[in-house]
Amino acid sequence: MKLVTFGETMAQYNAKYMGPYNPTGKYLLDVAGAESNVAVNLIKLGVAGIETMWVSRLGDDEAGRIVLSRLDGITRVDACICPGERTGVCYLNHYGDGNNIKTYKRAGSAASKLTFDDVAPHLGSASVLHVTGITPALSRSCKDAILCSLKRCQKLGVHVSFDANYREQLWSPSEARSTFDEMIEHVTLFKVGRDEAEVLWGLGLTAADYAKHFHGLEDQIVIVTDGALGATLFDGNITMSVSGLGLKAVDPVGAGDAFVAGFLGGLSERSNFIDLFQLETNERKHLLWHALRVANVCGALVTTRRGDTQAMPDMDEVTEFMATDK
């Protein structure tokens, strides 16, 4: 499987202390980007036959060099360095009640000027395109890149994975809802948090009912995560749920990206999207259950350490964990 993804990745200053931003406080230097997280996490999972590529634009600055140094050698990178432009920066601060606050310096960044022309050359060789709801919020050109990519993938027969990843700092619920409704019509896998669904659609549904609500295509999978309660999957016929694992979370940021990578990796261990929808119901149920459990473990383990991808397990660790969590 070759996964292609695109979007903005920032240099991230992840505070090692508790409380609001302190310019003299110690921090973990990392990179933060939902799309590149999935690409990196898939490789870290270590499933044979998986290749990933991240496409973007970077400023000619220290932050851009940090991003390149952290991603290059793990995932394939196609990110031009743009003289005179800057790379986005993120500050992540933690609080005693388990909450965290992100502060961004990303407006007008090099990545916000991504276009469909940056992405198009890579779609023909992709098995899966992974996108999020962050990228279309960055700029008009980024939104066009998303929508054009989805339509191109539909023509090429490339499957699309879409993680909602709603960011209230970037756009309003009504703007996001309109765009997401359009995107869902073109995707094979749609993942959304129940909390996100409530903010954007406000239907007051359970995770299972939201999964059924969003399902609209014959060959489509919808997964609705529900925090510590776990996650529910619906494929038009099969409904299944996994419970939360009850691990103590140190840093919840990155859990959703690890979940998506875990699901795609768990699926790729034994099949792929093309073969999946040709399987008999019982075979498909078994495969989806395996992928959902892998996703659940990956999402939970990543929260046990700070950093978006620092604690991503490999498949041996996941298998060992699942064997003890009956």
C-alpha atoms as a PDB file:
ATOM      1  CA  MET A   1       0.000   0.000   0.000  1.00  0.00           C
ATOM      2  CA  LYS A   2       1.218   3.467  -0.843  1.00  0.00           C
ATOM      3  CA  LEU A   3      -0.352   6.266   1.183  1.00  0.00           C
ATOM      4  CA  VAL A   4      -0.029   9.833  -0.084  1.00  0.00           C
ATOM      5  CA  THR A   5      -1.007  12.763   2.111  1.00  0.00           C
ATOM      6  CA  PHE A   6      -0.567  16.530   2.086  1.00  0.00           C
ATOM      7  CA  GLY A   7      -0.964  19.468   4.434  1.00  0.00           C
ATOM      8  CA  GLU A   8       0.850  21.719   6.862  1.00  0.00           C
ATOM      9  CA  THR A   9       3.399  20.463   9.369  1.00  0.00           C
ATOM     10  CA  MET A  10       4.773  22.924  11.922  1.00  0.00           C
ATOM     11  CA  ALA A  11       7.678  23.036  14.310  1.00  0.00           C
ATOM     12  CA  GLN A  12       6.128  22.358  17.718  1.00  0.00           C
ATOM     13  CA  TYR A  13       7.327  23.495  21.136  1.00  0.00           C
ATOM     14  CA  ASN A  14       5.692  21.006  23.520  1.00  0.00           C
ATOM     15  CA  ALA A  15       6.010  22.309  27.085  1.00  0.00           C
ATOM     16  CA  LYS A  16       7.532  20.013  29.707  1.00  0.00           C
ATOM     17  CA  TYR A  17       6.022  22.193  32.437  1.00  0.00           C
ATOM     18  CA  MET A  18       2.403  22.751  33.467  1.00  0.00           C
ATOM     19  CA  GLY A  19       0.489  25.935  32.824  1.00  0.00           C
ATOM     20  CA  PRO A  20       0.506  28.774  30.274  1.00  0.00           C
ATOM     21  CA  TYR A  21       3.348  29.637  27.931  1.00  0.00           C
ATOM     22  CA  ASN A  22       6.601  30.524  29.701  1.00  0.00           C
ATOM     23  CA  PRO A  23       9.413  31.787  27.450  1.00  0.00           C
ATOM     24  CA  THR A  24      12.004  30.403  29.901  1.00  0.00           C
ATOM     25  CA  GLY A  25      10.276  27.043  30.387  1.00  0.00           C
ATOM     26  CA  LYS A  26      11.693  23.768  29.075  1.00  0.00           C
ATOM     27  CA  TYR A  27      10.042  22.124  26.088  1.00  0.00           C
ATOM     28  CA  LEU A  28      10.199  19.117  23.798  1.00  0.00           C
ATOM     29  CA  LEU A  29      11.021  20.159  20.240  1.00  0.00           C
ATOM     30  CA  ASP A  30       8.849  18.165  17.867  1.00  0.00           C
ATOM     31  CA  VAL A  31       6.919  18.558  14.641  1.00  0.00           C
ATOM     32  CA  ALA A  32       3.134  18.761  14.469  1.00  0.00           C
ATOM     33  CA  GLY A  33       1.020  17.995  11.445  1.00  0.00           C
ATOM     34  CA  ALA A  34      -1.979  15.673  11.373  1.00  0.00           C
ATOM     35  CA  GLU A  35      -1.195  14.419   7.881  1.00  0.00           C
ATOM     36  CA  SER A  36       2.529  13.833   8.365  1.00  0.00           C
ATOM     37  CA  ASN A  37       1.740  12.180  11.720  1.00  0.00           C
ATOM     38  CA  VAL A  38      -0.272   9.516   9.909  1.00  0.00           C
ATOM     39  CA  ALA A  39       2.498   9.003   7.341  1.00  0.00           C
ATOM     40  CA  VAL A  40       5.157   8.656  10.063  1.00  0.00           C
ATOM     41  CA  ASN A  41       3.004   6.488  12.324  1.00  0.00           C
ATOM     42  CA  LEU A  42       2.249   4.044   9.518  1.00  0.00           C
ATOM     43  CA  ILE A  43       5.947   3.533   8.924  1.00  0.00           C
ATOM     44  CA  LYS A  44       6.635   3.183  12.660  1.00  0.00           C
ATOM     45  CA  LEU A  45       3.957   0.511  12.863  1.00  0.00           C
ATOM     46  CA  GLY A  46       6.227  -1.600  10.687  1.00  0.00           C
ATOM     47  CA  VAL A  47       3.707  -3.437   8.521  1.00  0.00           C
ATOM     48  CA  ALA A  48       5.421  -4.918   5.469  1.00  0.00           C
ATOM     49  CA  GLY A  49       4.656  -3.419   2.071  1.00  0.00           C
ATOM     50  CA  ILE A  50       3.631   0.049   3.252  1.00  0.00           C
ATOM     51  CA  GLU A  51       5.087   3.207   1.708  1.00  0.00           C
ATOM     52  CA  THR A  52       4.090   6.759   2.627  1.00  0.00           C
ATOM     53  CA  MET A  53       4.630  10.189   1.097  1.00  0.00           C
ATOM     54  CA  TRP A  54       3.948  13.643   2.536  1.00  0.00           C
ATOM     55  CA  VAL A  55       3.542  16.625   0.195  1.00  0.00           C
ATOM     56  CA  SER A  56       3.778  20.235   1.336  1.00  0.00           C
ATOM     57  CA  ARG A  57       5.612  23.556   1.126  1.00  0.00           C
ATOM     58  CA  LEU A  58       8.064  24.893   3.731  1.00  0.00           C
ATOM     59  CA  GLY A  59       9.569  28.260   4.487  1.00  0.00           C
ATOM     60  CA  ASP A  60      13.305  28.821   4.162  1.00  0.00           C
ATOM     61  CA  ASP A  61      13.771  29.082   7.930  1.00  0.00           C
ATOM     62  CA  GLU A  62      14.769  27.190  11.055  1.00  0.00           C
ATOM     63  CA  ALA A  63      11.269  25.782  11.563  1.00  0.00           C
ATOM     64  CA  GLY A  64      11.270  24.412   8.019  1.00  0.00           C
ATOM     65  CA  ARG A  65      14.635  22.754   8.556  1.00  0.00           C
ATOM     66  CA  ILE A  66      13.364  21.214  11.795  1.00  0.00           C
ATOM     67  CA  VAL A  67      10.370  19.722   9.967  1.00  0.00           C
ATOM     68  CA  LEU A  68      12.558  18.286   7.213  1.00  0.00           C
ATOM     69  CA  SER A  69      15.061  16.813   9.658  1.00  0.00           C
ATOM     70  CA  ARG A  70      12.310  15.050  11.629  1.00  0.00           C
ATOM     71  CA  LEU A  71      10.422  13.627   8.614  1.00  0.00           C
ATOM     72  CA  ASP A  72      13.120  12.911   6.058  1.00  0.00           C
ATOM     73  CA  GLY A  73      14.238   9.307   6.255  1.00  0.00           C
ATOM     74  CA  ILE A  74      10.967   8.113   7.802  1.00  0.00           C
ATOM     75  CA  THR A  75       8.403   9.062   5.187  1.00  0.00           C
ATOM     76  CA  ARG A  76       9.119  10.215   1.658  1.00  0.00           C
ATOM     77  CA  VAL A  77       8.913  13.997   1.466  1.00  0.00           C
ATOM     78  CA  ASP A  78       8.056  16.283  -1.424  1.00  0.00           C
ATOM     79  CA  ALA A  79       8.121  19.737   0.165  1.00  0.00           C
ATOM     80  CA  CYS A  80       9.745  22.591  -1.708  1.00  0.00           C
ATOM     81  CA  ILE A  81      11.687  25.173   0.309  1.00  0.00           C
ATOM     82  CA  CYS A  82      10.225  28.568  -0.516  1.00  0.00           C
ATOM     83  CA  PRO A  83      12.648  31.548  -0.156  1.00  0.00           C
ATOM     84  CA  GLY A  84      11.103  34.531   1.592  1.00  0.00           C
ATOM     85  CA  GLU A  85       8.294  32.447   3.113  1.00  0.00           C
ATOM     86  CA  ARG A  86       7.959  31.008   6.605  1.00  0.00           C
ATOM     87  CA  THR A  87       6.998  27.732   8.225  1.00  0.00           C
ATOM     88  CA  GLY A  88       4.206  27.538  10.786  1.00  0.00           C
ATOM     89  CA  VAL A  89       4.980  27.175  14.484  1.00  0.00           C
ATOM     90  CA  CYS A  90       2.865  25.641  17.253  1.00  0.00           C
ATOM     91  CA  TYR A  91       3.140  26.035  21.041  1.00  0.00           C
ATOM     92  CA  LEU A  92       1.524  23.286  23.126  1.00  0.00           C
ATOM     93  CA  ASN A  93       0.878  23.899  26.823  1.00  0.00           C
ATOM     94  CA  HIS A  94      -0.546  21.473  29.385  1.00  0.00           C
ATOM     95  CA  TYR A  95      -2.762  22.017  32.426  1.00  0.00           C
ATOM     96  CA  GLY A  96      -3.398  20.038  35.603  1.00  0.00           C
ATOM     97  CA  ASP A  97      -6.967  19.176  34.615  1.00  0.00           C
ATOM     98  CA  GLY A  98      -5.713  17.163  31.643  1.00  0.00           C
ATOM     99  CA  ASN A  99      -6.493  19.848  29.097  1.00  0.00           C
ATOM    100  CA  ASN A 100      -4.013  21.402  26.727  1.00  0.00           C
ATOM    101  CA  ILE A 101      -3.954  24.596  24.719  1.00  0.00           C
ATOM    102  CA  LYS A 102      -2.360  25.051  21.323  1.00  0.00           C
ATOM    103  CA  THR A 103      -1.217  28.440  20.106  1.00  0.00           C
ATOM    104  CA  TYR A 104      -0.373  28.833  16.441  1.00  0.00           C
ATOM    105  CA  LYS A 105       1.740  31.134  14.312  1.00  0.00           C
ATOM    106  CA  ARG A 106       0.680  29.749  10.950  1.00  0.00           C
ATOM    107  CA  ALA A 107      -1.339  32.394   9.066  1.00  0.00           C
ATOM    108  CA  GLY A 108       0.149  33.024   5.637  1.00  0.00           C
ATOM    109  CA  SER A 109       2.655  30.186   5.968  1.00  0.00           C
ATOM    110  CA  ALA A 110       4.272  28.534   2.972  1.00  0.00           C
ATOM    111  CA  ALA A 111       2.024  25.492   3.413  1.00  0.00           C
ATOM    112  CA  SER A 112      -1.108  27.635   3.248  1.00  0.00           C
ATOM    113  CA  LYS A 113      -0.224  28.281  -0.405  1.00  0.00           C
ATOM    114  CA  LEU A 114      -0.415  24.626  -1.407  1.00  0.00           C
ATOM    115  CA  THR A 115      -2.246  24.015  -4.688  1.00  0.00           C
ATOM    116  CA  PHE A 116      -3.648  21.017  -6.518  1.00  0.00           C
ATOM    117  CA  ASP A 117      -0.663  21.186  -8.863  1.00  0.00           C
ATOM    118  CA  ASP A 118       1.594  20.309  -5.902  1.00  0.00           C
ATOM    119  CA  VAL A 119      -0.395  17.155  -5.184  1.00  0.00           C
ATOM    120  CA  ALA A 120      -1.642  15.956  -8.573  1.00  0.00           C
ATOM    121  CA  PRO A 121       1.610  14.306  -9.779  1.00  0.00           C
ATOM    122  CA  HIS A 122       1.516  11.854  -6.849  1.00  0.00           C
ATOM    123  CA  LEU A 123      -2.091  10.693  -7.009  1.00  0.00           C
ATOM    124  CA  GLY A 124      -1.714   8.241  -9.871  1.00  0.00           C
ATOM    125  CA  SER A 125       0.709   6.052  -7.913  1.00  0.00           C
ATOM    126  CA  ALA A 126      -1.256   6.158  -4.644  1.00  0.00           C
ATOM    127  CA  SER A 127      -3.290   3.324  -3.170  1.00  0.00           C
ATOM    128  CA  VAL A 128      -4.798   5.651  -0.559  1.00  0.00           C
ATOM    129  CA  LEU A 129      -4.939   9.433  -0.240  1.00  0.00           C
ATOM    130  CA  HIS A 130      -5.241  10.596   3.367  1.00  0.00           C
ATOM    131  CA  VAL A 131      -6.690  14.059   4.031  1.00  0.00           C
ATOM    132  CA  THR A 132      -7.935  15.979   7.048  1.00  0.00           C
ATOM    133  CA  GLY A 133     -10.327  18.803   7.763  1.00  0.00           C
ATOM    134  CA  ILE A 134      -7.433  21.055   8.708  1.00  0.00           C
ATOM    135  CA  THR A 135      -6.036  21.637   5.226  1.00  0.00           C
ATOM    136  CA  PRO A 136      -9.170  23.090   3.567  1.00  0.00           C
ATOM    137  CA  ALA A 137      -9.402  25.619   6.410  1.00  0.00           C
ATOM    138  CA  LEU A 138      -5.958  27.096   5.709  1.00  0.00           C
ATOM    139  CA  SER A 139      -6.717  28.982   2.495  1.00  0.00           C
ATOM    140  CA  ARG A 140      -8.764  29.025  -0.686  1.00  0.00           C
ATOM    141  CA  SER A 141      -5.991  27.293  -2.618  1.00  0.00           C
ATOM    142  CA  CYS A 142      -5.746  24.563   0.035  1.00  0.00           C
ATOM    143  CA  LYS A 143      -9.484  23.972  -0.081  1.00  0.00           C
ATOM    144  CA  ASP A 144      -9.354  23.750  -3.875  1.00  0.00           C
ATOM    145  CA  ALA A 145      -6.432  21.308  -3.587  1.00  0.00           C
ATOM    146  CA  ILE A 146      -8.505  19.064  -1.315  1.00  0.00           C
ATOM    147  CA  LEU A 147     -11.661  19.079  -3.440  1.00  0.00           C
ATOM    148  CA  CYS A 148      -9.803  18.640  -6.730  1.00  0.00           C
ATOM    149  CA  SER A 149      -7.742  15.800  -5.246  1.00  0.00           C
ATOM    150  CA  LEU A 150     -10.853  13.963  -4.069  1.00  0.00           C
ATOM    151  CA  LYS A 151     -12.444  14.227  -7.499  1.00  0.00           C
ATOM    152  CA  ARG A 152      -9.243  13.101  -9.222  1.00  0.00           C
ATOM    153  CA  CYS A 153      -8.966  10.116  -6.885  1.00  0.00           C
ATOM    154  CA  GLN A 154     -12.527   9.129  -7.708  1.00  0.00           C
ATOM    155  CA  LYS A 155     -11.621   9.055 -11.413  1.00  0.00           C
ATOM    156  CA  LEU A 156      -8.395   7.138 -10.761  1.00  0.00           C
ATOM    157  CA  GLY A 157      -9.952   4.610  -8.398  1.00  0.00           C
ATOM    158  CA  VAL A 158      -7.752   5.749  -5.503  1.00  0.00           C
ATOM    159  CA  HIS A 159      -9.316   5.256  -2.076  1.00  0.00           C
ATOM    160  CA  VAL A 160      -9.524   8.232   0.272  1.00  0.00           C
ATOM    161  CA  SER A 161      -9.180   8.338   4.049  1.00  0.00           C
ATOM    162  CA  PHE A 162     -10.615  11.489   5.689  1.00  0.00           C
ATOM    163  CA  ASP A 163     -10.159  12.419   9.349  1.00  0.00           C
ATOM    164  CA  ALA A 164     -12.373  15.374  10.286  1.00  0.00           C
ATOM    165  CA  ASN A 165      -9.861  17.000  12.653  1.00  0.00           C
ATOM    166  CA  TYR A 166     -12.022  20.086  13.174  1.00  0.00           C
ATOM    167  CA  ARG A 167     -10.033  23.092  14.423  1.00  0.00           C
ATOM    168  CA  GLU A 168     -12.192  25.876  15.843  1.00  0.00           C
ATOM    169  CA  GLN A 169      -9.242  28.302  15.636  1.00  0.00           C
ATOM    170  CA  LEU A 170      -9.301  28.041  11.839  1.00  0.00           C
ATOM    171  CA  TRP A 171     -12.942  28.306  10.815  1.00  0.00           C
ATOM    172  CA  SER A 172     -16.539  28.323  12.004  1.00  0.00           C
ATOM    173  CA  PRO A 173     -18.698  25.216  12.456  1.00  0.00           C
ATOM    174  CA  SER A 174     -20.939  26.199   9.542  1.00  0.00           C
ATOM    175  CA  GLU A 175     -17.976  26.651   7.179  1.00  0.00           C
ATOM    176  CA  ALA A 176     -16.469  23.345   8.217  1.00  0.00           C
ATOM    177  CA  ARG A 177     -19.780  21.481   8.051  1.00  0.00           C
ATOM    178  CA  SER A 178     -20.464  22.619   4.485  1.00  0.00           C
ATOM    179  CA  THR A 179     -17.013  21.552   3.312  1.00  0.00           C
ATOM    180  CA  PHE A 180     -17.043  18.257   5.205  1.00  0.00           C
ATOM    181  CA  ASP A 181     -20.437  17.329   3.761  1.00  0.00           C
ATOM    182  CA  GLU A 182     -18.969  17.782   0.302  1.00  0.00           C
ATOM    183  CA  MET A 183     -15.838  15.781   1.132  1.00  0.00           C
ATOM    184  CA  ILE A 184     -17.640  12.805   2.694  1.00  0.00           C
ATOM    185  CA  GLU A 185     -19.271  12.049  -0.656  1.00  0.00           C
ATOM    186  CA  HIS A 186     -15.865  11.081  -2.095  1.00  0.00           C
ATOM    187  CA  VAL A 187     -14.198   9.080   0.684  1.00  0.00           C
ATOM    188  CA  THR A 188     -13.821   5.401   1.523  1.00  0.00           C
ATOM    189  CA  LEU A 189     -12.981   5.942   5.197  1.00  0.00           C
ATOM    190  CA  PHE A 190     -14.415   8.796   7.267  1.00  0.00           C
ATOM    191  CA  LYS A 191     -13.316   9.205  10.881  1.00  0.00           C
ATOM    192  CA  VAL A 192     -14.811  11.807  13.193  1.00  0.00           C
ATOM    193  CA  GLY A 193     -15.007  12.299  16.940  1.00  0.00           C
ATOM    194  CA  ARG A 194     -18.474  12.346  18.457  1.00  0.00           C
ATOM    195  CA  ASP A 195     -17.563  15.644  20.114  1.00  0.00           C
ATOM    196  CA  GLU A 196     -16.655  17.092  16.693  1.00  0.00           C
ATOM    197  CA  ALA A 197     -19.903  15.796  15.219  1.00  0.00           C
ATOM    198  CA  GLU A 198     -21.867  17.507  17.978  1.00  0.00           C
ATOM    199  CA  VAL A 199     -20.101  20.842  17.384  1.00  0.00           C
ATOM    200  CA  LEU A 200     -20.583  20.707  13.609  1.00  0.00           C
ATOM    201  CA  TRP A 201     -23.887  18.897  13.089  1.00  0.00           C
ATOM    202  CA  GLY A 202     -25.418  19.024  16.584  1.00  0.00           C
ATOM    203  CA  LEU A 203     -27.815  16.100  16.128  1.00  0.00           C
ATOM    204  CA  GLY A 204     -27.468  14.710  19.641  1.00  0.00           C
ATOM    205  CA  LEU A 205     -26.822  11.184  18.380  1.00  0.00           C
ATOM    206  CA  THR A 206     -24.859   8.332  19.884  1.00  0.00           C
ATOM    207  CA  ALA A 207     -21.561   7.343  18.273  1.00  0.00           C
ATOM    208  CA  ALA A 208     -23.298   4.382  16.580  1.00  0.00           C
ATOM    209  CA  ASP A 209     -26.105   6.554  15.231  1.00  0.00           C
ATOM    210  CA  TYR A 210     -23.659   9.175  13.959  1.00  0.00           C
ATOM    211  CA  ALA A 211     -21.740   6.420  12.147  1.00  0.00           C
ATOM    212  CA  LYS A 212     -24.937   5.348  10.399  1.00  0.00           C
ATOM    213  CA  HIS A 213     -25.909   8.955   9.711  1.00  0.00           C
ATOM    214  CA  PHE A 214     -22.684   9.744   7.866  1.00  0.00           C
ATOM    215  CA  HIS A 215     -22.601   6.520   5.861  1.00  0.00           C
ATOM    216  CA  GLY A 216     -23.796   7.224   2.339  1.00  0.00           C
ATOM    217  CA  LEU A 217     -21.728   5.206  -0.154  1.00  0.00           C
ATOM    218  CA  GLU A 218     -21.872   1.488  -0.870  1.00  0.00           C
ATOM    219  CA  ASP A 219     -18.146   0.929  -0.304  1.00  0.00           C
ATOM    220  CA  GLN A 220     -17.572   3.192   2.672  1.00  0.00           C
ATOM    221  CA  ILE A 221     -16.514   2.846   6.298  1.00  0.00           C
ATOM    222  CA  VAL A 222     -17.403   5.389   8.987  1.00  0.00           C
ATOM    223  CA  ILE A 223     -15.695   5.388  12.383  1.00  0.00           C
ATOM    224  CA  VAL A 224     -16.878   7.608  15.224  1.00  0.00           C
ATOM    225  CA  THR A 225     -14.533   7.866  18.192  1.00  0.00           C
ATOM    226  CA  ASP A 226     -15.930   8.795  21.591  1.00  0.00           C
ATOM    227  CA  GLY A 227     -12.989   9.618  23.837  1.00  0.00           C
ATOM    228  CA  ALA A 228     -12.494   7.250  26.752  1.00  0.00           C
ATOM    229  CA  LEU A 229     -15.628   5.328  25.726  1.00  0.00           C
ATOM    230  CA  GLY A 230     -13.939   3.880  22.638  1.00  0.00           C
ATOM    231  CA  ALA A 231     -15.019   3.884  18.987  1.00  0.00           C
ATOM    232  CA  THR A 232     -17.788   2.583  16.735  1.00  0.00           C
ATOM    233  CA  LEU A 233     -17.497   1.446  13.110  1.00  0.00           C
ATOM    234  CA  PHE A 234     -20.241   1.057  10.497  1.00  0.00           C
ATOM    235  CA  ASP A 235     -19.722  -0.168   6.915  1.00  0.00           C
ATOM    236  CA  GLY A 236     -23.330  -0.162   5.735  1.00  0.00           C
ATOM    237  CA  ASN A 237     -23.989  -3.613   7.099  1.00  0.00           C
ATOM    238  CA  ILE A 238     -21.728  -4.321  10.062  1.00  0.00           C
ATOM    239  CA  THR A 239     -21.712  -2.285  13.279  1.00  0.00           C
ATOM    240  CA  MET A 240     -18.955  -2.894  15.819  1.00  0.00           C
ATOM    241  CA  SER A 241     -17.548  -1.067  18.824  1.00  0.00           C
ATOM    242  CA  VAL A 242     -14.411  -1.203  20.943  1.00  0.00           C
ATOM    243  CA  SER A 243     -14.200   0.123  24.477  1.00  0.00           C
ATOM    244  CA  GLY A 244     -11.635   2.609  25.743  1.00  0.00           C
ATOM    245  CA  LEU A 245      -8.542   0.997  27.285  1.00  0.00           C
ATOM    246  CA  GLY A 246      -8.381   3.128  30.431  1.00  0.00           C
ATOM    247  CA  LEU A 247      -4.718   4.083  30.093  1.00  0.00           C
ATOM    248  CA  LYS A 248      -3.529   7.189  31.923  1.00  0.00           C
ATOM    249  CA  ALA A 249      -3.156   9.935  29.332  1.00  0.00           C
ATOM    250  CA  VAL A 250      -0.164  12.246  29.576  1.00  0.00           C
ATOM    251  CA  ASP A 251      -0.671  14.056  26.268  1.00  0.00           C
ATOM    252  CA  PRO A 252      -3.799  13.349  24.177  1.00  0.00           C
ATOM    253  CA  VAL A 253      -2.518  15.243  21.139  1.00  0.00           C
ATOM    254  CA  GLY A 254      -1.837  12.894  18.229  1.00  0.00           C
ATOM    255  CA  ALA A 255      -4.157  10.112  19.394  1.00  0.00           C
ATOM    256  CA  GLY A 256      -6.499  10.516  16.433  1.00  0.00           C
ATOM    257  CA  ASP A 257      -3.647  10.378  13.923  1.00  0.00           C
ATOM    258  CA  ALA A 258      -2.293   7.227  15.574  1.00  0.00           C
ATOM    259  CA  PHE A 259      -5.789   5.739  15.462  1.00  0.00           C
ATOM    260  CA  VAL A 260      -6.061   6.302  11.702  1.00  0.00           C
ATOM    261  CA  ALA A 261      -2.574   4.919  11.084  1.00  0.00           C
ATOM    262  CA  GLY A 262      -3.393   1.907  13.243  1.00  0.00           C
ATOM    263  CA  PHE A 263      -6.591   1.203  11.345  1.00  0.00           C
ATOM    264  CA  LEU A 264      -4.927   1.468   7.938  1.00  0.00           C
ATOM    265  CA  GLY A 265      -1.966  -0.582   9.151  1.00  0.00           C
ATOM    266  CA  GLY A 266      -4.178  -3.251  10.697  1.00  0.00           C
ATOM    267  CA  LEU A 267      -6.157  -3.476   7.477  1.00  0.00           C
ATOM    268  CA  SER A 268      -3.022  -3.651   5.327  1.00  0.00           C
ATOM    269  CA  GLU A 269      -1.639  -6.527   7.410  1.00  0.00           C
ATOM    270  CA  ARG A 270      -4.235  -8.846   5.946  1.00  0.00           C
ATOM    271  CA  SER A 271      -5.982  -7.111   3.045  1.00  0.00           C
ATOM    272  CA  ASN A 272      -6.652  -3.732   1.375  1.00  0.00           C
ATOM    273  CA  PHE A 273      -9.610  -1.528   0.586  1.00  0.00           C
ATOM    274  CA  ILE A 274     -10.140  -3.099  -2.852  1.00  0.00           C
ATOM    275  CA  ASP A 275     -10.300  -6.669  -1.542  1.00  0.00           C
ATOM    276  CA  LEU A 276     -12.096  -5.695   1.667  1.00  0.00           C
ATOM    277  CA  PHE A 277     -15.370  -4.856  -0.015  1.00  0.00           C
ATOM    278  CA  GLN A 278     -15.337  -8.110  -1.995  1.00  0.00           C
ATOM    279  CA  LEU A 279     -15.139 -10.299   1.107  1.00  0.00           C
ATOM    280  CA  GLU A 280     -18.040 -12.253   2.509  1.00  0.00           C
ATOM    281  CA  THR A 281     -19.666 -10.639   5.543  1.00  0.00           C
ATOM    282  CA  ASN A 282     -18.001 -12.863   8.151  1.00  0.00           C
ATOM    283  CA  GLU A 283     -14.524 -12.451   6.631  1.00  0.00           C
ATOM    284  CA  ARG A 284     -14.959  -8.700   6.389  1.00  0.00           C
ATOM    285  CA  LYS A 285     -16.235  -8.522   9.965  1.00  0.00           C
ATOM    286  CA  HIS A 286     -13.159 -10.380  11.219  1.00  0.00           C
ATOM    287  CA  LEU A 287     -10.795  -8.097   9.293  1.00  0.00           C
ATOM    288  CA  LEU A 288     -12.531  -4.870  10.363  1.00  0.00           C
ATOM    289  CA  TRP A 289     -12.527  -6.029  13.982  1.00  0.00           C
ATOM    290  CA  HIS A 290      -8.793  -6.626  13.832  1.00  0.00           C
ATOM    291  CA  ALA A 291      -8.109  -3.214  12.241  1.00  0.00           C
ATOM    292  CA  LEU A 292     -10.374  -1.419  14.728  1.00  0.00           C
ATOM    293  CA  ARG A 293      -8.649  -3.072  17.706  1.00  0.00           C
ATOM    294  CA  VAL A 294      -5.216  -2.147  16.341  1.00  0.00           C
ATOM    295  CA  ALA A 295      -6.412   1.438  15.856  1.00  0.00           C
ATOM    296  CA  ASN A 296      -7.779   1.567  19.398  1.00  0.00           C
ATOM    297  CA  VAL A 297      -4.497   0.369  20.919  1.00  0.00           C
ATOM    298  CA  CYS A 298      -2.383   2.764  18.831  1.00  0.00           C
ATOM    299  CA  GLY A 299      -4.562   5.731  19.720  1.00  0.00           C
ATOM    300  CA  ALA A 300      -4.409   4.903  23.427  1.00  0.00           C
ATOM    301  CA  LEU A 301      -0.670   4.208  23.644  1.00  0.00           C
ATOM    302  CA  VAL A 302       0.290   7.452  21.912  1.00  0.00           C
ATOM    303  CA  THR A 303      -1.365   9.414  24.719  1.00  0.00           C
ATOM    304  CA  THR A 304       0.962   7.917  27.325  1.00  0.00           C
ATOM    305  CA  ARG A 305       3.945  10.093  26.315  1.00  0.00           C
ATOM    306  CA  ARG A 306       4.342  13.653  25.124  1.00  0.00           C
ATOM    307  CA  GLY A 307       4.876  14.309  21.451  1.00  0.00           C
ATOM    308  CA  ASP A 308       2.605  13.624  18.497  1.00  0.00           C
ATOM    309  CA  THR A 309       4.368  10.453  17.323  1.00  0.00           C
ATOM    310  CA  GLN A 310       6.837   9.712  20.138  1.00  0.00           C
ATOM    311  CA  ALA A 311       4.928   6.760  21.581  1.00  0.00           C
ATOM    312  CA  MET A 312       3.623   5.195  18.363  1.00  0.00           C
ATOM    313  CA  PRO A 313       4.009   1.441  18.861  1.00  0.00           C
ATOM    314  CA  ASP A 314       5.088  -1.099  16.281  1.00  0.00           C
ATOM    315  CA  MET A 315       2.860  -4.035  15.408  1.00  0.00           C
ATOM    316  CA  ASP A 316       4.676  -6.386  17.765  1.00  0.00           C
ATOM    317  CA  GLU A 317       3.845  -4.090  20.699  1.00  0.00           C
ATOM    318  CA  VAL A 318       0.235  -3.816  19.548  1.00  0.00           C
ATOM    319  CA  THR A 319      -0.090  -7.594  19.220  1.00  0.00           C
ATOM    320  CA  GLU A 320       1.395  -8.111  22.669  1.00  0.00           C
ATOM    321  CA  PHE A 321      -0.965  -5.528  24.173  1.00  0.00           C
ATOM    322  CA  MET A 322      -4.021  -7.080  22.513  1.00  0.00           C
ATOM    323  CA  ALA A 323      -3.021 -10.516  23.783  1.00  0.00           C
ATOM    324  CA  THR A 324      -3.180  -9.252  27.383  1.00  0.00           C
ATOM    325  CA  ASP A 325      -6.325  -7.168  26.870  1.00  0.00           C
ATOM    326  CA  LYS A 326      -8.984  -9.805  26.315  1.00  0.00           C
END
